[in-house]
């Protein structure tokens, strides 16, 4: 399901306009992104949690040349599904 399909489905289910759902979804994504940038976790009870995982630098190999390269440390967003979501999918 693509973003536009998701917006249509939520608008139809909630009985509101697609424009309103689009604004809310964009606002939600922006808020989660801002919180993660600030290093904070976002918990949505019954759905899951978004957090930032810190990955240490490590050595790797360039698959084309076989040359050893250093992969820098980085932060990566992580989503951990909540119990209710896990049970619903099972």
N, C-alpha and C. Protein backbone atom coordinates (compact mmCIF):
# COMPACT_ATOMS: atom_id res chain seq x y z
N UNK A 1 0.85 -1.18 0.00
CA UNK A 1 0.00 0.00 0.00
C UNK A 1 0.89 1.24 0.00
N UNK A 2 0.64 2.12 -0.92
CA UNK A 2 1.40 3.36 -1.02
C UNK A 2 0.74 4.43 -0.15
N UNK A 3 1.46 5.53 0.04
CA UNK A 3 0.98 6.60 0.92
C UNK A 3 -0.40 7.10 0.49
N UNK A 4 -0.59 7.34 -0.80
CA UNK A 4 -1.87 7.86 -1.28
C UNK A 4 -3.00 6.86 -1.05
N UNK A 5 -2.71 5.56 -1.23
CA UNK A 5 -3.71 4.53 -0.97
C UNK A 5 -4.07 4.49 0.51
N UNK A 6 -3.05 4.67 1.35
CA UNK A 6 -3.26 4.70 2.80
C UNK A 6 -4.15 5.88 3.18
N UNK A 7 -3.88 7.04 2.60
CA UNK A 7 -4.67 8.24 2.89
C UNK A 7 -6.13 8.03 2.48
N UNK A 8 -6.36 7.45 1.31
CA UNK A 8 -7.72 7.18 0.85
C UNK A 8 -8.44 6.22 1.79
N UNK A 9 -7.76 5.16 2.22
CA UNK A 9 -8.37 4.17 3.10
C UNK A 9 -8.73 4.77 4.45
N UNK A 10 -7.83 5.56 5.03
CA UNK A 10 -8.11 6.19 6.33
C UNK A 10 -9.23 7.21 6.20
N UNK A 11 -9.22 7.99 5.12
CA UNK A 11 -10.29 8.98 4.91
C UNK A 11 -11.64 8.31 4.79
N UNK A 12 -11.70 7.23 4.04
CA UNK A 12 -12.96 6.50 3.88
C UNK A 12 -13.43 5.90 5.20
N UNK A 13 -12.51 5.27 5.94
CA UNK A 13 -12.85 4.63 7.22
C UNK A 13 -13.29 5.66 8.27
N UNK A 14 -12.58 6.79 8.33
CA UNK A 14 -12.87 7.81 9.34
C UNK A 14 -13.99 8.76 8.92
N UNK A 15 -14.33 8.76 7.64
CA UNK A 15 -15.38 9.65 7.16
C UNK A 15 -14.95 11.11 7.11
N UNK A 16 -13.67 11.34 6.81
CA UNK A 16 -13.16 12.71 6.69
C UNK A 16 -12.52 12.86 5.32
N UNK A 17 -12.14 14.08 4.98
CA UNK A 17 -11.57 14.33 3.66
C UNK A 17 -10.14 13.79 3.55
N UNK A 18 -9.75 13.49 2.33
CA UNK A 18 -8.39 13.01 2.09
C UNK A 18 -7.38 14.11 2.42
N UNK A 19 -7.74 15.36 2.19
CA UNK A 19 -6.86 16.48 2.50
C UNK A 19 -6.57 16.55 3.99
N UNK A 20 -7.59 16.35 4.81
CA UNK A 20 -7.41 16.38 6.26
C UNK A 20 -6.50 15.23 6.71
N UNK A 21 -6.72 14.05 6.18
CA UNK A 21 -5.89 12.89 6.53
C UNK A 21 -4.45 13.12 6.09
N UNK A 22 -4.27 13.69 4.91
CA UNK A 22 -2.94 13.97 4.40
C UNK A 22 -2.19 14.94 5.30
N UNK A 23 -2.87 16.00 5.75
CA UNK A 23 -2.24 16.97 6.65
C UNK A 23 -1.87 16.32 7.98
N UNK A 24 -2.75 15.49 8.52
CA UNK A 24 -2.48 14.82 9.79
C UNK A 24 -1.32 13.84 9.65
N UNK A 25 -1.32 13.07 8.57
CA UNK A 25 -0.25 12.10 8.35
C UNK A 25 1.10 12.80 8.19
N UNK A 26 1.13 13.88 7.43
CA UNK A 26 2.37 14.64 7.24
C UNK A 26 2.85 15.21 8.57
N UNK A 27 1.93 15.74 9.35
CA UNK A 27 2.27 16.28 10.67
C UNK A 27 2.81 15.19 11.59
N UNK A 28 2.20 14.01 11.55
CA UNK A 28 2.65 12.89 12.38
C UNK A 28 4.07 12.47 12.00
N UNK A 29 4.33 12.35 10.71
CA UNK A 29 5.66 11.96 10.24
C UNK A 29 6.70 13.02 10.64
N UNK A 30 6.35 14.29 10.47
CA UNK A 30 7.27 15.37 10.84
C UNK A 30 7.57 15.36 12.34
N UNK A 31 6.56 15.12 13.16
CA UNK A 31 6.74 15.09 14.61
C UNK A 31 7.61 13.91 15.03
N UNK A 32 7.35 12.74 14.48
CA UNK A 32 8.17 11.57 14.81
C UNK A 32 9.61 11.81 14.38
N UNK A 33 9.81 12.37 13.19
CA UNK A 33 11.16 12.65 12.70
C UNK A 33 11.89 13.63 13.61
N UNK A 34 11.21 14.69 14.03
CA UNK A 34 11.82 15.69 14.92
C UNK A 34 12.21 15.07 16.26
N UNK A 35 11.34 14.23 16.80
CA UNK A 35 11.65 13.58 18.08
C UNK A 35 12.85 12.65 17.95
N UNK A 36 12.91 11.89 16.86
CA UNK A 36 14.04 10.98 16.65
C UNK A 36 15.33 11.76 16.44
N UNK A 37 15.27 12.88 15.71
CA UNK A 37 16.46 13.72 15.52
C UNK A 37 16.98 14.23 16.84
N UNK A 38 16.06 14.52 17.77
CA UNK A 38 16.46 15.02 19.09
C UNK A 38 16.92 13.89 20.01
N UNK A 39 16.86 12.65 19.52
CA UNK A 39 17.34 11.52 20.31
C UNK A 39 16.30 10.94 21.25
N UNK A 40 15.05 11.32 21.07
CA UNK A 40 13.99 10.82 21.95
C UNK A 40 13.23 9.68 21.28
N UNK A 41 12.58 8.89 22.09
CA UNK A 41 11.79 7.75 21.62
C UNK A 41 10.33 8.16 21.53
N UNK A 42 9.61 7.61 20.55
CA UNK A 42 8.18 7.87 20.39
C UNK A 42 7.44 6.56 20.59
N UNK A 43 6.59 6.50 21.62
CA UNK A 43 5.81 5.29 21.92
C UNK A 43 4.34 5.54 21.58
N UNK A 44 3.77 4.65 20.80
CA UNK A 44 2.34 4.71 20.50
C UNK A 44 1.75 3.42 21.07
N UNK A 45 1.09 3.55 22.20
CA UNK A 45 0.57 2.39 22.91
C UNK A 45 -0.32 1.56 22.02
N UNK A 46 -0.07 0.26 22.00
CA UNK A 46 -0.85 -0.67 21.21
C UNK A 46 -0.34 -0.82 19.78
N UNK A 47 0.55 0.08 19.36
CA UNK A 47 1.07 0.02 18.00
C UNK A 47 2.56 -0.31 17.99
N UNK A 48 3.35 0.51 18.66
CA UNK A 48 4.78 0.24 18.69
C UNK A 48 5.58 1.45 19.12
N UNK A 49 6.89 1.33 18.98
CA UNK A 49 7.79 2.40 19.40
C UNK A 49 8.83 2.67 18.32
N UNK A 50 9.11 3.94 18.13
CA UNK A 50 10.17 4.38 17.24
C UNK A 50 11.32 4.85 18.12
N UNK A 51 12.54 4.46 17.78
CA UNK A 51 13.69 4.93 18.53
C UNK A 51 14.89 5.01 17.59
N UNK A 52 15.98 5.59 18.08
CA UNK A 52 17.20 5.71 17.31
C UNK A 52 18.20 4.70 17.84
N UNK A 53 18.75 3.93 16.92
CA UNK A 53 19.77 2.95 17.28
C UNK A 53 21.12 3.48 16.82
N UNK A 54 22.11 3.40 17.69
CA UNK A 54 23.46 3.86 17.34
C UNK A 54 24.28 2.66 16.90
N UNK A 55 24.84 2.77 15.70
CA UNK A 55 25.65 1.69 15.15
C UNK A 55 27.11 2.13 15.19
N UNK A 56 27.97 1.31 15.77
CA UNK A 56 29.39 1.63 15.87
C UNK A 56 30.05 1.52 14.50
N UNK A 57 31.19 2.20 14.36
CA UNK A 57 31.94 2.08 13.11
C UNK A 57 32.51 0.67 13.02
N UNK A 58 32.69 0.22 11.80
CA UNK A 58 33.20 -1.14 11.62
C UNK A 58 33.93 -1.24 10.30
N UNK A 59 34.66 -2.31 10.14
CA UNK A 59 35.37 -2.55 8.90
C UNK A 59 34.49 -3.38 7.97
N UNK A 60 34.57 -3.09 6.69
CA UNK A 60 33.80 -3.82 5.70
C UNK A 60 34.67 -4.08 4.48
N UNK A 61 34.07 -4.72 3.49
CA UNK A 61 34.79 -5.04 2.26
C UNK A 61 33.97 -4.55 1.07
N UNK A 62 34.61 -3.83 0.16
CA UNK A 62 33.98 -3.39 -1.07
C UNK A 62 33.79 -4.64 -1.94
N UNK A 63 32.53 -5.01 -2.25
CA UNK A 63 32.31 -6.26 -2.98
C UNK A 63 32.86 -6.25 -4.41
N UNK A 64 33.00 -5.08 -5.01
CA UNK A 64 33.52 -5.00 -6.38
C UNK A 64 35.02 -5.20 -6.46
N UNK A 65 35.73 -4.57 -5.49
CA UNK A 65 37.19 -4.59 -5.57
C UNK A 65 37.83 -5.51 -4.54
N UNK A 66 37.07 -5.87 -3.51
CA UNK A 66 37.64 -6.69 -2.44
C UNK A 66 38.46 -5.85 -1.46
N UNK A 67 38.49 -4.54 -1.68
CA UNK A 67 39.26 -3.63 -0.84
C UNK A 67 38.59 -3.47 0.52
N UNK A 68 39.38 -3.40 1.57
CA UNK A 68 38.88 -3.18 2.92
C UNK A 68 38.52 -1.71 3.07
N UNK A 69 37.34 -1.43 3.63
CA UNK A 69 36.90 -0.06 3.84
C UNK A 69 36.41 0.10 5.27
N UNK A 70 36.42 1.34 5.74
CA UNK A 70 35.90 1.63 7.08
C UNK A 70 34.50 2.21 6.94
N UNK A 71 33.54 1.59 7.58
CA UNK A 71 32.16 2.06 7.57
C UNK A 71 31.98 2.93 8.81
N UNK A 72 31.62 4.20 8.64
CA UNK A 72 31.54 5.11 9.79
C UNK A 72 30.37 4.79 10.73
N UNK A 73 30.49 5.26 11.96
CA UNK A 73 29.40 5.12 12.92
C UNK A 73 28.20 5.93 12.42
N UNK A 74 27.00 5.46 12.73
CA UNK A 74 25.81 6.17 12.29
C UNK A 74 24.64 5.90 13.23
N UNK A 75 23.64 6.73 13.09
CA UNK A 75 22.38 6.54 13.82
C UNK A 75 21.37 6.04 12.81
N UNK A 76 20.51 5.13 13.26
CA UNK A 76 19.52 4.55 12.36
C UNK A 76 18.17 4.47 13.08
N UNK A 77 17.07 4.86 12.40
CA UNK A 77 15.76 4.74 13.03
C UNK A 77 15.34 3.28 13.09
N UNK A 78 14.67 2.92 14.20
CA UNK A 78 14.21 1.55 14.41
C UNK A 78 12.76 1.59 14.86
N UNK A 79 11.95 0.68 14.33
CA UNK A 79 10.56 0.54 14.79
C UNK A 79 10.43 -0.81 15.47
N UNK A 80 9.88 -0.80 16.66
CA UNK A 80 9.64 -2.04 17.41
C UNK A 80 8.14 -2.17 17.59
N UNK A 81 7.56 -3.22 17.00
CA UNK A 81 6.11 -3.42 17.06
C UNK A 81 5.66 -3.71 18.49
N UNK A 82 4.49 -3.17 18.85
CA UNK A 82 3.92 -3.42 20.15
C UNK A 82 3.17 -4.74 20.21
N UNK A 83 2.84 -5.17 21.39
CA UNK A 83 2.19 -6.47 21.61
C UNK A 83 0.87 -6.56 20.86
N UNK A 84 0.04 -5.54 20.92
CA UNK A 84 -1.27 -5.56 20.27
C UNK A 84 -1.12 -5.71 18.76
N UNK A 85 -0.18 -5.00 18.15
CA UNK A 85 0.06 -5.10 16.71
C UNK A 85 0.57 -6.49 16.35
N UNK A 86 1.49 -7.01 17.14
CA UNK A 86 2.03 -8.35 16.87
C UNK A 86 0.92 -9.40 16.90
N UNK A 87 0.06 -9.31 17.91
CA UNK A 87 -1.03 -10.29 18.03
C UNK A 87 -2.03 -10.16 16.89
N UNK A 88 -2.30 -8.94 16.45
CA UNK A 88 -3.25 -8.72 15.36
C UNK A 88 -2.74 -9.30 14.05
N UNK A 89 -1.43 -9.23 13.84
CA UNK A 89 -0.84 -9.74 12.60
C UNK A 89 -0.77 -11.27 12.61
N UNK A 90 -0.55 -11.83 13.77
CA UNK A 90 -0.48 -13.29 13.88
C UNK A 90 -1.82 -13.87 13.53
